[in-house]
Amino acid sequence: MRKDKESLFEGSEELNKLINALHAKSWVAILGPRMAGKTSLAWAGANAFAEKMKYKVIFVDLKNTETSRQATKKILGRLPKSILDTLPKYIAEISFSTGDI
């Protein structure tokens, strides 16, 4: 698996679209057949974006995850302790409204 943009075709249209979407704070889904390079593209895009923005990349494998609870456990299990320690502050600031749902 390749994790940097130099390992992929330089100037790849897909890589550029991914990085632009990350800069736009958009949700991204990378779809394609098995062994097409989806994970390599995700790693390369995330690493290129993180390097420019001074972020860190955390990879969470959600394969065989069937519920949001399982996904949440996997995600939280991969976060550094420094981030986990700040979560209660942010959770306390979240409010929900049922509105017209």
PDB file of N, CA and C in Angstrom:
ATOM      1  N   MET A   1       0.852  -1.181   0.000  1.00  0.00           N
ATOM      2  CA  MET A   1       0.000   0.000   0.000  1.00  0.00           C
ATOM      3  C   MET A   1       0.893   1.238   0.000  1.00  0.00           C
ATOM      4  N   ARG A   2       0.542   2.183  -0.829  1.00  0.00           N
ATOM      5  CA  ARG A   2       1.300   3.423  -0.928  1.00  0.00           C
ATOM      6  C   ARG A   2       0.611   4.500  -0.109  1.00  0.00           C
ATOM      7  N   LYS A   3       1.415   5.292   0.620  1.00  0.00           N
ATOM      8  CA  LYS A   3       0.826   6.272   1.524  1.00  0.00           C
ATOM      9  C   LYS A   3       1.214   7.717   1.223  1.00  0.00           C
ATOM     10  N   ASP A   4       1.980   7.957   0.170  1.00  0.00           N
ATOM     11  CA  ASP A   4       2.336   9.331  -0.151  1.00  0.00           C
ATOM     12  C   ASP A   4       2.065   9.614  -1.624  1.00  0.00           C
ATOM     13  N   LYS A   5       1.889  10.887  -1.925  1.00  0.00           N
ATOM     14  CA  LYS A   5       1.471  11.243  -3.274  1.00  0.00           C
ATOM     15  C   LYS A   5       2.544  10.961  -4.316  1.00  0.00           C
ATOM     16  N   GLU A   6       3.827  10.916  -3.921  1.00  0.00           N
ATOM     17  CA  GLU A   6       4.884  10.615  -4.871  1.00  0.00           C
ATOM     18  C   GLU A   6       4.797   9.167  -5.348  1.00  0.00           C
ATOM     19  N   SER A   7       4.202   8.283  -4.534  1.00  0.00           N
ATOM     20  CA  SER A   7       4.068   6.878  -4.916  1.00  0.00           C
ATOM     21  C   SER A   7       2.965   6.674  -5.945  1.00  0.00           C
ATOM     22  N   LEU A   8       2.041   7.610  -5.998  1.00  0.00           N
ATOM     23  CA  LEU A   8       0.959   7.538  -6.977  1.00  0.00           C
ATOM     24  C   LEU A   8       1.348   8.364  -8.198  1.00  0.00           C
ATOM     25  N   PHE A   9       0.571   8.259  -9.223  1.00  0.00           N
ATOM     26  CA  PHE A   9       0.799   9.051 -10.419  1.00  0.00           C
ATOM     27  C   PHE A   9       0.725  10.529 -10.051  1.00  0.00           C
ATOM     28  N   GLU A  10       1.842  11.228 -10.184  1.00  0.00           N
ATOM     29  CA  GLU A  10       1.907  12.642  -9.823  1.00  0.00           C
ATOM     30  C   GLU A  10       0.910  13.438 -10.654  1.00  0.00           C
ATOM     31  N   GLY A  11       0.170  14.321 -10.022  1.00  0.00           N
ATOM     32  CA  GLY A  11      -0.808  15.128 -10.731  1.00  0.00           C
ATOM     33  C   GLY A  11      -2.089  14.381 -11.055  1.00  0.00           C
ATOM     34  N   SER A  12      -2.288  13.245 -10.401  1.00  0.00           N
ATOM     35  CA  SER A  12      -3.483  12.443 -10.625  1.00  0.00           C
ATOM     36  C   SER A  12      -4.732  13.286 -10.401  1.00  0.00           C
ATOM     37  N   GLU A  13      -5.658  13.210 -11.338  1.00  0.00           N
ATOM     38  CA  GLU A  13      -6.911  13.966 -11.219  1.00  0.00           C
ATOM     39  C   GLU A  13      -7.662  13.576  -9.951  1.00  0.00           C
ATOM     40  N   GLU A  14      -7.687  12.273  -9.645  1.00  0.00           N
ATOM     41  CA  GLU A  14      -8.394  11.805  -8.451  1.00  0.00           C
ATOM     42  C   GLU A  14      -7.748  12.343  -7.183  1.00  0.00           C
ATOM     43  N   LEU A  15      -6.415  12.336  -7.152  1.00  0.00           N
ATOM     44  CA  LEU A  15      -5.697  12.843  -5.979  1.00  0.00           C
ATOM     45  C   LEU A  15      -5.969  14.328  -5.790  1.00  0.00           C
ATOM     46  N   ASN A  16      -5.928  15.089  -6.864  1.00  0.00           N
ATOM     47  CA  ASN A  16      -6.197  16.524  -6.772  1.00  0.00           C
ATOM     48  C   ASN A  16      -7.623  16.800  -6.317  1.00  0.00           C
ATOM     49  N   LYS A  17      -8.585  16.019  -6.833  1.00  0.00           N
ATOM     50  CA  LYS A  17      -9.981  16.195  -6.409  1.00  0.00           C
ATOM     51  C   LYS A  17     -10.138  15.900  -4.917  1.00  0.00           C
ATOM     52  N   LEU A  18      -9.462  14.850  -4.456  1.00  0.00           N
ATOM     53  CA  LEU A  18      -9.544  14.488  -3.037  1.00  0.00           C
ATOM     54  C   LEU A  18      -8.974  15.593  -2.156  1.00  0.00           C
ATOM     55  N   ILE A  19      -7.800  16.077  -2.504  1.00  0.00           N
ATOM     56  CA  ILE A  19      -7.176  17.139  -1.705  1.00  0.00           C
ATOM     57  C   ILE A  19      -8.026  18.401  -1.715  1.00  0.00           C
ATOM     58  N   ASN A  20      -8.588  18.760  -2.866  1.00  0.00           N
ATOM     59  CA  ASN A  20      -9.465  19.934  -2.942  1.00  0.00           C
ATOM     60  C   ASN A  20     -10.713  19.751  -2.078  1.00  0.00           C
ATOM     61  N   ALA A  21     -11.282  18.549  -2.082  1.00  0.00           N
ATOM     62  CA  ALA A  21     -12.461  18.275  -1.253  1.00  0.00           C
ATOM     63  C   ALA A  21     -12.119  18.390   0.225  1.00  0.00           C
ATOM     64  N   LEU A  22     -10.947  17.918   0.606  1.00  0.00           N
ATOM     65  CA  LEU A  22     -10.534  18.030   2.012  1.00  0.00           C
ATOM     66  C   LEU A  22     -10.358  19.497   2.410  1.00  0.00           C
ATOM     67  N   HIS A  23      -9.786  20.283   1.526  1.00  0.00           N
ATOM     68  CA  HIS A  23      -9.650  21.722   1.805  1.00  0.00           C
ATOM     69  C   HIS A  23     -11.021  22.391   1.924  1.00  0.00           C
ATOM     70  N   ALA A  24     -12.001  21.891   1.170  1.00  0.00           N
ATOM     71  CA  ALA A  24     -13.351  22.458   1.205  1.00  0.00           C
ATOM     72  C   ALA A  24     -14.173  21.892   2.371  1.00  0.00           C
ATOM     73  N   LYS A  25     -13.555  21.033   3.184  1.00  0.00           N
ATOM     74  CA  LYS A  25     -14.223  20.408   4.334  1.00  0.00           C
ATOM     75  C   LYS A  25     -15.438  19.589   3.908  1.00  0.00           C
ATOM     76  N   SER A  26     -15.310  18.939   2.760  1.00  0.00           N
ATOM     77  CA  SER A  26     -16.384  18.106   2.227  1.00  0.00           C
ATOM     78  C   SER A  26     -16.219  16.663   2.687  1.00  0.00           C
ATOM     79  N   TRP A  27     -17.336  15.950   2.741  1.00  0.00           N
ATOM     80  CA  TRP A  27     -17.289  14.513   2.963  1.00  0.00           C
ATOM     81  C   TRP A  27     -16.816  13.868   1.677  1.00  0.00           C
ATOM     82  N   VAL A  28     -16.044  12.795   1.789  1.00  0.00           N
ATOM     83  CA  VAL A  28     -15.492  12.139   0.615  1.00  0.00           C
ATOM     84  C   VAL A  28     -15.747  10.638   0.704  1.00  0.00           C
ATOM     85  N   ALA A  29     -16.192  10.060  -0.390  1.00  0.00           N
ATOM     86  CA  ALA A  29     -16.307   8.603  -0.508  1.00  0.00           C
ATOM     87  C   ALA A  29     -15.447   8.192  -1.694  1.00  0.00           C
ATOM     88  N   ILE A  30     -14.571   7.235  -1.469  1.00  0.00           N
ATOM     89  CA  ILE A  30     -13.718   6.719  -2.541  1.00  0.00           C
ATOM     90  C   ILE A  30     -14.244   5.334  -2.889  1.00  0.00           C
ATOM     91  N   LEU A  31     -14.806   5.239  -4.077  1.00  0.00           N
ATOM     92  CA  LEU A  31     -15.449   4.002  -4.503  1.00  0.00           C
ATOM     93  C   LEU A  31     -14.727   3.400  -5.692  1.00  0.00           C
ATOM     94  N   GLY A  32     -14.739   2.084  -5.769  1.00  0.00           N
ATOM     95  CA  GLY A  32     -14.136   1.400  -6.905  1.00  0.00           C
ATOM     96  C   GLY A  32     -14.016  -0.073  -6.620  1.00  0.00           C
ATOM     97  N   PRO A  33     -13.611  -0.827  -7.618  1.00  0.00           N
ATOM     98  CA  PRO A  33     -13.479  -2.276  -7.434  1.00  0.00           C
ATOM     99  C   PRO A  33     -12.304  -2.612  -6.509  1.00  0.00           C
ATOM    100  N   ARG A  34     -12.300  -3.834  -6.032  1.00  0.00           N
ATOM    101  CA  ARG A  34     -11.195  -4.300  -5.184  1.00  0.00           C
ATOM    102  C   ARG A  34      -9.875  -4.116  -5.911  1.00  0.00           C
ATOM    103  N   MET A  35      -8.860  -3.776  -5.141  1.00  0.00           N
ATOM    104  CA  MET A  35      -7.487  -3.665  -5.643  1.00  0.00           C
ATOM    105  C   MET A  35      -7.307  -2.544  -6.683  1.00  0.00           C
ATOM    106  N   ALA A  36      -8.178  -1.546  -6.644  1.00  0.00           N
ATOM    107  CA  ALA A  36      -8.068  -0.440  -7.597  1.00  0.00           C
ATOM    108  C   ALA A  36      -7.205   0.697  -7.063  1.00  0.00           C
ATOM    109  N   GLY A  37      -6.791   0.610  -5.788  1.00  0.00           N
ATOM    110  CA  GLY A  37      -5.948   1.653  -5.207  1.00  0.00           C
ATOM    111  C   GLY A  37      -6.701   2.655  -4.357  1.00  0.00           C
ATOM    112  N   LYS A  38      -7.900   2.290  -3.891  1.00  0.00           N
ATOM    113  CA  LYS A  38      -8.713   3.223  -3.087  1.00  0.00           C
ATOM    114  C   LYS A  38      -8.000   3.610  -1.788  1.00  0.00           C
ATOM    115  N   THR A  39      -7.466   2.621  -1.086  1.00  0.00           N
ATOM    116  CA  THR A  39      -6.797   2.902   0.186  1.00  0.00           C
ATOM    117  C   THR A  39      -5.522   3.702  -0.044  1.00  0.00           C
ATOM    118  N   SER A  40      -4.781   3.369  -1.074  1.00  0.00           N
ATOM    119  CA  SER A  40      -3.564   4.134  -1.392  1.00  0.00           C
ATOM    120  C   SER A  40      -3.907   5.583  -1.714  1.00  0.00           C
ATOM    121  N   LEU A  41      -4.984   5.787  -2.467  1.00  0.00           N
ATOM    122  CA  LEU A  41      -5.420   7.151  -2.785  1.00  0.00           C
ATOM    123  C   LEU A  41      -5.817   7.890  -1.516  1.00  0.00           C
ATOM    124  N   ALA A  42      -6.558   7.226  -0.639  1.00  0.00           N
ATOM    125  CA  ALA A  42      -6.981   7.855   0.617  1.00  0.00           C
ATOM    126  C   ALA A  42      -5.777   8.251   1.459  1.00  0.00           C
ATOM    127  N   TRP A  43      -4.811   7.341   1.596  1.00  0.00           N
ATOM    128  CA  TRP A  43      -3.607   7.634   2.377  1.00  0.00           C
ATOM    129  C   TRP A  43      -2.822   8.788   1.753  1.00  0.00           C
ATOM    130  N   ALA A  44      -2.603   8.719   0.463  1.00  0.00           N
ATOM    131  CA  ALA A  44      -1.811   9.747  -0.213  1.00  0.00           C
ATOM    132  C   ALA A  44      -2.477  11.117  -0.089  1.00  0.00           C
ATOM    133  N   GLY A  45      -3.787  11.161  -0.307  1.00  0.00           N
ATOM    134  CA  GLY A  45      -4.507  12.431  -0.191  1.00  0.00           C
ATOM    135  C   GLY A  45      -4.501  12.958   1.223  1.00  0.00           C
ATOM    136  N   ALA A  46      -4.769  12.075   2.181  1.00  0.00           N
ATOM    137  CA  ALA A  46      -4.789  12.491   3.589  1.00  0.00           C
ATOM    138  C   ALA A  46      -3.416  12.981   4.025  1.00  0.00           C
ATOM    139  N   ASN A  47      -2.369  12.264   3.641  1.00  0.00           N
ATOM    140  CA  ASN A  47      -1.019  12.669   4.040  1.00  0.00           C
ATOM    141  C   ASN A  47      -0.603  13.986   3.397  1.00  0.00           C
ATOM    142  N   ALA A  48      -0.949  14.188   2.123  1.00  0.00           N
ATOM    143  CA  ALA A  48      -0.620  15.449   1.451  1.00  0.00           C
ATOM    144  C   ALA A  48      -1.362  16.615   2.108  1.00  0.00           C
ATOM    145  N   PHE A  49      -2.637  16.398   2.399  1.00  0.00           N
ATOM    146  CA  PHE A  49      -3.444  17.436   3.056  1.00  0.00           C
ATOM    147  C   PHE A  49      -2.909  17.714   4.464  1.00  0.00           C
ATOM    148  N   ALA A  50      -2.636  16.650   5.218  1.00  0.00           N
ATOM    149  CA  ALA A  50      -2.170  16.797   6.597  1.00  0.00           C
ATOM    150  C   ALA A  50      -0.826  17.513   6.653  1.00  0.00           C
ATOM    151  N   GLU A  51       0.053  17.201   5.716  1.00  0.00           N
ATOM    152  CA  GLU A  51       1.367  17.848   5.701  1.00  0.00           C
ATOM    153  C   GLU A  51       1.229  19.355   5.495  1.00  0.00           C
ATOM    154  N   LYS A  52       0.379  19.735   4.569  1.00  0.00           N
ATOM    155  CA  LYS A  52       0.188  21.160   4.285  1.00  0.00           C
ATOM    156  C   LYS A  52      -0.490  21.884   5.454  1.00  0.00           C
ATOM    157  N   MET A  53      -1.450  21.211   6.090  1.00  0.00           N
ATOM    158  CA  MET A  53      -2.233  21.848   7.151  1.00  0.00           C
ATOM    159  C   MET A  53      -1.643  21.620   8.554  1.00  0.00           C
ATOM    160  N   LYS A  54      -0.553  20.860   8.636  1.00  0.00           N
ATOM    161  CA  LYS A  54       0.084  20.515   9.917  1.00  0.00           C
ATOM    162  C   LYS A  54      -0.847  19.674  10.790  1.00  0.00           C
ATOM    163  N   TYR A  55      -1.565  18.736  10.158  1.00  0.00           N
ATOM    164  CA  TYR A  55      -2.430  17.790  10.854  1.00  0.00           C
ATOM    165  C   TYR A  55      -1.730  16.447  10.934  1.00  0.00           C
ATOM    166  N   LYS A  56      -2.333  15.526  11.680  1.00  0.00           N
ATOM    167  CA  LYS A  56      -1.876  14.141  11.715  1.00  0.00           C
ATOM    168  C   LYS A  56      -2.974  13.272  11.126  1.00  0.00           C
ATOM    169  N   VAL A  57      -2.595  12.190  10.493  1.00  0.00           N
ATOM    170  CA  VAL A  57      -3.541  11.267   9.883  1.00  0.00           C
ATOM    171  C   VAL A  57      -3.720  10.062  10.797  1.00  0.00           C
ATOM    172  N   ILE A  58      -4.972   9.701  11.031  1.00  0.00           N
ATOM    173  CA  ILE A  58      -5.293   8.497  11.795  1.00  0.00           C
ATOM    174  C   ILE A  58      -6.132   7.616  10.887  1.00  0.00           C
ATOM    175  N   PHE A  59      -5.676   6.402  10.657  1.00  0.00           N
ATOM    176  CA  PHE A  59      -6.400   5.460   9.811  1.00  0.00           C
ATOM    177  C   PHE A  59      -7.242   4.549  10.689  1.00  0.00           C
ATOM    178  N   VAL A  60      -8.530   4.484  10.400  1.00  0.00           N
ATOM    179  CA  VAL A  60      -9.440   3.612  11.142  1.00  0.00           C
ATOM    180  C   VAL A  60     -10.075   2.659  10.131  1.00  0.00           C
ATOM    181  N   ASP A  61      -9.783   1.371  10.282  1.00  0.00           N
ATOM    182  CA  ASP A  61     -10.336   0.354   9.389  1.00  0.00           C
ATOM    183  C   ASP A  61     -11.729  -0.015   9.889  1.00  0.00           C
ATOM    184  N   LEU A  62     -12.743   0.367   9.139  1.00  0.00           N
ATOM    185  CA  LEU A  62     -14.130   0.088   9.530  1.00  0.00           C
ATOM    186  C   LEU A  62     -14.698  -1.133   8.822  1.00  0.00           C
ATOM    187  N   LYS A  63     -13.805  -1.919   8.213  1.00  0.00           N
ATOM    188  CA  LYS A  63     -14.241  -3.153   7.574  1.00  0.00           C
ATOM    189  C   LYS A  63     -14.870  -4.051   8.646  1.00  0.00           C
ATOM    190  N   ASN A  64     -15.922  -4.723   8.290  1.00  0.00           N
ATOM    191  CA  ASN A  64     -16.657  -5.609   9.200  1.00  0.00           C
ATOM    192  C   ASN A  64     -17.312  -4.866  10.362  1.00  0.00           C
ATOM    193  N   THR A  65     -17.539  -3.576  10.193  1.00  0.00           N
ATOM    194  CA  THR A  65     -18.237  -2.776  11.198  1.00  0.00           C
ATOM    195  C   THR A  65     -19.693  -2.677  10.763  1.00  0.00           C
ATOM    196  N   GLU A  66     -20.588  -3.117  11.629  1.00  0.00           N
ATOM    197  CA  GLU A  66     -21.992  -3.179  11.235  1.00  0.00           C
ATOM    198  C   GLU A  66     -22.876  -2.127  11.897  1.00  0.00           C
ATOM    199  N   THR A  67     -22.428  -1.548  12.995  1.00  0.00           N
ATOM    200  CA  THR A  67     -23.267  -0.574  13.697  1.00  0.00           C
ATOM    201  C   THR A  67     -22.483   0.712  13.952  1.00  0.00           C
ATOM    202  N   SER A  68     -23.217   1.779  14.207  1.00  0.00           N
ATOM    203  CA  SER A  68     -22.547   3.038  14.523  1.00  0.00           C
ATOM    204  C   SER A  68     -21.804   2.925  15.852  1.00  0.00           C
ATOM    205  N   ARG A  69     -22.309   2.112  16.753  1.00  0.00           N
ATOM    206  CA  ARG A  69     -21.623   1.902  18.037  1.00  0.00           C
ATOM    207  C   ARG A  69     -20.248   1.253  17.817  1.00  0.00           C
ATOM    208  N   GLN A  70     -20.202   0.226  16.949  1.00  0.00           N
ATOM    209  CA  GLN A  70     -18.930  -0.422  16.640  1.00  0.00           C
ATOM    210  C   GLN A  70     -17.964   0.569  15.976  1.00  0.00           C
ATOM    211  N   ALA A  71     -18.496   1.366  15.056  1.00  0.00           N
ATOM    212  CA  ALA A  71     -17.661   2.358  14.371  1.00  0.00           C
ATOM    213  C   ALA A  71     -17.112   3.373  15.369  1.00  0.00           C
ATOM    214  N   THR A  72     -17.960   3.844  16.264  1.00  0.00           N
ATOM    215  CA  THR A  72     -17.537   4.818  17.266  1.00  0.00           C
ATOM    216  C   THR A  72     -16.437   4.245  18.150  1.00  0.00           C
ATOM    217  N   LYS A  73     -16.599   2.997  18.574  1.00  0.00           N
ATOM    218  CA  LYS A  73     -15.574   2.356  19.409  1.00  0.00           C
ATOM    219  C   LYS A  73     -14.246   2.264  18.677  1.00  0.00           C
ATOM    220  N   LYS A  74     -14.300   1.884  17.405  1.00  0.00           N
ATOM    221  CA  LYS A  74     -13.063   1.781  16.629  1.00  0.00           C
ATOM    222  C   LYS A  74     -12.401   3.149  16.457  1.00  0.00           C
ATOM    223  N   ILE A  75     -13.202   4.159  16.166  1.00  0.00           N
ATOM    224  CA  ILE A  75     -12.657   5.506  15.973  1.00  0.00           C
ATOM    225  C   ILE A  75     -12.042   6.023  17.265  1.00  0.00           C
ATOM    226  N   LEU A  76     -12.773   5.914  18.357  1.00  0.00           N
ATOM    227  CA  LEU A  76     -12.253   6.393  19.641  1.00  0.00           C
ATOM    228  C   LEU A  76     -11.013   5.619  20.067  1.00  0.00           C
ATOM    229  N   GLY A  77     -10.967   4.340  19.716  1.00  0.00           N
ATOM    230  CA  GLY A  77      -9.817   3.516  20.054  1.00  0.00           C
ATOM    231  C   GLY A  77      -8.544   3.901  19.324  1.00  0.00           C
ATOM    232  N   ARG A  78      -8.677   4.614  18.224  1.00  0.00           N
ATOM    233  CA  ARG A  78      -7.511   5.034  17.437  1.00  0.00           C
ATOM    234  C   ARG A  78      -7.049   6.463  17.757  1.00  0.00           C
ATOM    235  N   LEU A  79      -7.876   7.222  18.470  1.00  0.00           N
ATOM    236  CA  LEU A  79      -7.507   8.604  18.762  1.00  0.00           C
ATOM    237  C   LEU A  79      -6.446   8.677  19.859  1.00  0.00           C
ATOM    238  N   PRO A  80      -5.500   9.598  19.729  1.00  0.00           N
ATOM    239  CA  PRO A  80      -4.490   9.782  20.777  1.00  0.00           C
ATOM    240  C   PRO A  80      -5.142  10.259  22.077  1.00  0.00           C
ATOM    241  N   LYS A  81      -4.528   9.928  23.205  1.00  0.00           N
ATOM    242  CA  LYS A  81      -5.055  10.308  24.512  1.00  0.00           C
ATOM    243  C   LYS A  81      -5.237  11.825  24.624  1.00  0.00           C
ATOM    244  N   SER A  82      -4.341  12.584  24.031  1.00  0.00           N
ATOM    245  CA  SER A  82      -4.443  14.044  24.107  1.00  0.00           C
ATOM    246  C   SER A  82      -5.756  14.544  23.508  1.00  0.00           C
ATOM    247  N   ILE A  83      -6.221  13.902  22.457  1.00  0.00           N
ATOM    248  CA  ILE A  83      -7.494  14.292  21.850  1.00  0.00           C
ATOM    249  C   ILE A  83      -8.654  13.791  22.701  1.00  0.00           C
ATOM    250  N   LEU A  84      -8.554  12.565  23.172  1.00  0.00           N
ATOM    251  CA  LEU A  84      -9.628  12.005  24.011  1.00  0.00           C
ATOM    252  C   LEU A  84      -9.866  12.850  25.258  1.00  0.00           C
ATOM    253  N   ASP A  85      -8.789  13.399  25.816  1.00  0.00           N
ATOM    254  CA  ASP A  85      -8.921  14.216  27.028  1.00  0.00           C
ATOM    255  C   ASP A  85      -9.694  15.506  26.782  1.00  0.00           C
ATOM    256  N   THR A  86      -9.731  15.989  25.529  1.00  0.00           N
ATOM    257  CA  THR A  86     -10.436  17.232  25.229  1.00  0.00           C
ATOM    258  C   THR A  86     -11.884  17.001  24.793  1.00  0.00           C
ATOM    259  N   LEU A  87     -12.256  15.758  24.506  1.00  0.00           N
ATOM    260  CA  LEU A  87     -13.608  15.479  24.008  1.00  0.00           C
ATOM    261  C   LEU A  87     -14.734  15.905  24.949  1.00  0.00           C
ATOM    262  N   PRO A  88     -14.639  15.666  26.252  1.00  0.00           N
ATOM    263  CA  PRO A  88     -15.759  16.073  27.126  1.00  0.00           C
ATOM    264  C   PRO A  88     -16.117  17.555  27.004  1.00  0.00           C
ATOM    265  N   LYS A  89     -15.109  18.398  26.819  1.00  0.00           N
ATOM    266  CA  LYS A  89     -15.361  19.837  26.664  1.00  0.00           C
ATOM    267  C   LYS A  89     -16.232  20.095  25.427  1.00  0.00           C
ATOM    268  N   TYR A  90     -15.905  19.456  24.313  1.00  0.00           N
ATOM    269  CA  TYR A  90     -16.650  19.672  23.082  1.00  0.00           C
ATOM    270  C   TYR A  90     -18.036  19.026  23.136  1.00  0.00           C
ATOM    271  N   ILE A  91     -18.132  17.863  23.733  1.00  0.00           N
ATOM    272  CA  ILE A  91     -19.421  17.184  23.843  1.00  0.00           C
ATOM    273  C   ILE A  91     -20.381  18.003  24.692  1.00  0.00           C
ATOM    274  N   ALA A  92     -19.880  18.631  25.739  1.00  0.00           N
ATOM    275  CA  ALA A  92     -20.719  19.456  26.602  1.00  0.00           C
ATOM    276  C   ALA A  92     -21.291  20.655  25.856  1.00  0.00           C
ATOM    277  N   GLU A  93     -20.620  21.095  24.805  1.00  0.00           N
ATOM    278  CA  GLU A  93     -21.061  22.262  24.037  1.00  0.00           C
ATOM    279  C   GLU A  93     -22.052  21.904  22.932  1.00  0.00           C
ATOM    280  N   ILE A  94     -22.285  20.615  22.704  1.00  0.00           N
ATOM    281  CA  ILE A  94     -23.188  20.178  21.634  1.00  0.00           C
ATOM    282  C   ILE A  94     -24.624  20.196  22.146  1.00  0.00           C
ATOM    283  N   SER A  95     -25.504  20.766  21.365  1.00  0.00           N
ATOM    284  CA  SER A  95     -26.930  20.710  21.711  1.00  0.00           C
ATOM    285  C   SER A  95     -27.697  20.232  20.491  1.00  0.00           C
ATOM    286  N   PHE A  96     -28.782  19.547  20.732  1.00  0.00           N
ATOM    287  CA  PHE A  96     -29.586  19.000  19.646  1.00  0.00           C
ATOM    288  C   PHE A  96     -30.982  19.617  19.690  1.00  0.00           C
ATOM    289  N   SER A  97     -31.569  19.764  18.525  1.00  0.00           N
ATOM    290  CA  SER A  97     -32.932  20.250  18.430  1.00  0.00           C
ATOM    291  C   SER A  97     -33.683  19.317  17.492  1.00  0.00           C
ATOM    292  N   THR A  98     -34.857  18.885  17.916  1.00  0.00           N
ATOM    293  CA  THR A  98     -35.636  18.002  17.062  1.00  0.00           C
ATOM    294  C   THR A  98     -36.359  18.796  15.974  1.00  0.00           C
ATOM    295  N   GLY A  99     -36.573  20.066  16.191  1.00  0.00           N
ATOM    296  CA  GLY A  99     -37.180  20.916  15.177  1.00  0.00           C
ATOM    297  C   GLY A  99     -38.384  20.285  14.524  1.00  0.00           C
ATOM    298  N   ASP A 100     -38.403  20.258  13.190  1.00  0.00           N
ATOM    299  CA  ASP A 100     -39.534  19.697  12.439  1.00  0.00           C
ATOM    300  C   ASP A 100     -39.265  18.271  11.942  1.00  0.00           C
ATOM    301  N   ILE A 101     -38.377  17.583  12.583  1.00  0.00           N
ATOM    302  CA  ILE A 101     -38.022  16.235  12.126  1.00  0.00           C
ATOM    303  C   ILE A 101     -39.178  15.285  12.380  1.00  0.00           C
TER     304      ILE A 101
END
